Every structure is written in C-alpha cells, then in structure tokens.
N, C-alpha and C. Protein backbone atom coordinates (compact mmCIF):
# COMPACT_ATOMS: atom_id res chain seq x y z
N THR A 1 0.90 -1.26 0.01
CA THR A 1 0.06 0.00 -0.04
C THR A 1 0.87 1.24 0.01
N PRO A 2 1.38 1.61 -1.16
CA PRO A 2 2.27 2.85 -1.25
C PRO A 2 1.56 4.13 -1.23
N PHE A 3 0.93 4.37 -0.17
CA PHE A 3 0.19 5.69 -0.04
C PHE A 3 0.83 6.63 0.99
N THR A 4 1.39 6.06 2.14
CA THR A 4 1.94 6.83 3.10
C THR A 4 3.21 6.14 3.55
N ASP A 5 3.82 6.82 4.61
CA ASP A 5 5.20 6.06 5.03
C ASP A 5 4.94 5.33 6.23
N VAL A 6 3.61 5.15 6.72
CA VAL A 6 3.31 4.30 7.86
C VAL A 6 2.33 3.13 7.46
N THR A 7 2.63 2.46 6.29
CA THR A 7 1.78 1.45 5.90
C THR A 7 2.05 0.09 6.53
N LEU A 8 3.04 0.11 7.54
CA LEU A 8 3.34 -1.18 8.06
C LEU A 8 2.31 -1.80 8.93
N PHE A 9 1.45 -0.95 9.35
CA PHE A 9 0.25 -1.57 10.23
C PHE A 9 -1.02 -1.82 9.39
N ILE A 10 -0.81 -1.33 8.08
CA ILE A 10 -2.02 -1.57 7.19
C ILE A 10 -1.64 -2.73 6.12
N GLY A 11 -0.64 -2.69 5.52
CA GLY A 11 -0.25 -3.76 4.48
C GLY A 11 0.88 -4.59 4.97
N GLY A 12 1.54 -4.30 6.15
CA GLY A 12 2.48 -5.09 6.59
C GLY A 12 3.90 -4.72 5.97
N GLN A 13 3.89 -3.50 5.32
CA GLN A 13 5.14 -3.16 4.54
C GLN A 13 5.44 -1.69 4.88
N TYR A 14 6.69 -1.24 4.78
CA TYR A 14 7.02 0.18 5.02
C TYR A 14 7.50 0.80 3.74
N GLN A 15 6.67 1.64 3.11
CA GLN A 15 7.01 2.40 1.92
C GLN A 15 6.68 3.85 2.03
N GLN A 16 7.40 4.62 1.45
CA GLN A 16 7.26 6.01 1.45
C GLN A 16 6.56 6.46 0.13
N GLY A 17 5.46 7.17 0.25
CA GLY A 17 4.78 7.64 -0.97
C GLY A 17 4.23 9.14 -0.66
N PRO A 18 3.58 9.59 -1.80
CA PRO A 18 3.07 10.94 -1.70
C PRO A 18 1.81 10.98 -0.84
C-alpha cells in the first residue's frame, strides 16, 4: 500500500509515498 510512510500496520510493509 504505497500511499503513506506508515503502511506497516496496514499492509505489513514500509514504503514512502506521496
């Protein structure tokens, strides 16, 4: 879920996005 930088609790991954 590359929407925010705190997606680790949503999709289980940590990505930074706009």
